[in-house]
Amino acid sequence: MSTALWLLALQGVLGAHAVMGILYGAVLAHLLPELQAWAAAPTGFAPWQAPALLRWVMPLMAMGVLASGVRDLGAVYGPRWCRFPWG
């Protein structure tokens, strides 16, 4: 390719990036006032009384996930007996 073609291609790339930058700025100019309005609005969170079954089952499930994570950590870095049944 000749130098003139490289310069033409470079101008095209620079022009495309200039247009993308202008469009991105326009999007931000329209988005920022909306974000300010959203930030001023109430969150919509409200107190909720969970059913008794959920209040008991969810912590038990969380403890199971924690135990599984501790066991995995022990299998990787801990004593050999933690690697059962894999190793």
Protein backbone atom coordinates (compact mmCIF):
# COMPACT_ATOMS: atom_id res chain seq x y z
CA MET A 1 0.00 0.00 0.00
CA SER A 2 1.18 3.44 -0.73
CA THR A 3 1.56 6.16 1.88
CA ALA A 4 -1.46 8.02 0.54
CA LEU A 5 -3.71 4.99 1.10
CA TRP A 6 -2.42 4.57 4.67
CA LEU A 7 -3.14 8.23 5.39
CA LEU A 8 -6.62 7.87 3.90
CA ALA A 9 -7.29 4.80 6.03
CA LEU A 10 -5.96 6.57 9.13
CA GLN A 11 -8.23 9.53 8.46
CA GLY A 12 -11.19 7.16 8.19
CA VAL A 13 -10.34 5.52 11.51
CA LEU A 14 -9.82 8.86 13.22
CA GLY A 15 -13.09 10.16 11.78
CA ALA A 16 -14.97 7.08 12.97
CA HIS A 17 -13.56 7.46 16.48
CA ALA A 18 -14.44 11.15 16.51
CA VAL A 19 -18.04 10.33 15.59
CA MET A 20 -18.19 7.59 18.25
CA GLY A 21 -16.85 10.02 20.85
CA ILE A 22 -19.44 12.64 19.95
CA LEU A 23 -22.26 10.09 20.11
CA TYR A 24 -21.03 8.74 23.46
CA GLY A 25 -20.97 12.28 24.83
CA ALA A 26 -24.53 12.82 23.62
CA VAL A 27 -25.67 9.60 25.30
CA LEU A 28 -24.04 10.64 28.57
CA ALA A 29 -25.59 14.10 28.33
CA HIS A 30 -29.04 12.50 28.15
CA LEU A 31 -28.30 9.81 30.75
CA LEU A 32 -26.93 11.94 33.59
CA PRO A 33 -30.17 13.88 34.28
CA GLU A 34 -32.05 10.56 34.38
CA LEU A 35 -29.54 9.13 36.84
CA GLN A 36 -29.97 12.20 39.05
CA ALA A 37 -33.75 11.75 38.98
CA TRP A 38 -33.40 8.06 39.82
CA ALA A 39 -31.04 8.84 42.70
CA ALA A 40 -33.58 11.26 44.20
CA ALA A 41 -36.46 8.74 43.94
CA PRO A 42 -37.33 6.41 46.83
CA THR A 43 -35.80 2.94 46.64
CA GLY A 44 -39.01 0.97 46.91
CA PHE A 45 -37.64 -1.29 49.63
CA ALA A 46 -40.20 -2.11 52.28
CA PRO A 47 -40.28 -4.40 55.30
CA TRP A 48 -41.45 -7.90 54.52
CA GLN A 49 -42.35 -10.68 56.90
CA ALA A 50 -40.97 -13.89 55.47
CA PRO A 51 -42.86 -17.10 56.15
CA ALA A 52 -41.59 -19.05 59.16
CA LEU A 53 -40.43 -21.96 56.98
CA LEU A 54 -38.18 -19.64 54.95
CA ARG A 55 -36.76 -18.07 58.09
CA TRP A 56 -35.62 -21.53 59.21
CA VAL A 57 -34.65 -23.13 55.89
CA MET A 58 -32.58 -20.28 54.41
CA PRO A 59 -30.06 -20.03 57.29
CA LEU A 60 -29.70 -23.83 57.26
CA MET A 61 -28.96 -23.73 53.54
CA ALA A 62 -26.47 -20.89 54.09
CA MET A 63 -24.67 -22.97 56.74
CA GLY A 64 -24.50 -25.86 54.26
CA VAL A 65 -22.92 -23.60 51.63
CA LEU A 66 -20.43 -22.30 54.21
CA ALA A 67 -19.53 -25.85 55.27
CA SER A 68 -19.04 -26.85 51.65
CA GLY A 69 -16.74 -23.88 51.07
CA VAL A 70 -14.70 -24.66 54.20
CA ARG A 71 -14.40 -28.29 53.10
CA ASP A 72 -13.23 -27.22 49.63
CA LEU A 73 -10.68 -24.89 51.21
CA GLY A 74 -9.48 -27.72 53.41
CA ALA A 75 -9.24 -30.06 50.41
CA VAL A 76 -6.95 -27.61 48.65
CA TYR A 77 -4.81 -26.25 51.46
CA GLY A 78 -5.57 -28.38 54.49
CA PRO A 79 -4.56 -31.76 55.89
CA ARG A 80 -4.77 -34.94 53.85
CA TRP A 81 -7.93 -36.21 55.61
CA CYS A 82 -9.86 -33.23 54.23
CA ARG A 83 -9.29 -34.54 50.69
CA PHE A 84 -11.56 -37.56 51.15
CA PRO A 85 -12.89 -39.08 48.85
CA TRP A 86 -10.64 -37.58 46.17
CA GLY A 87 -7.26 -37.99 47.49
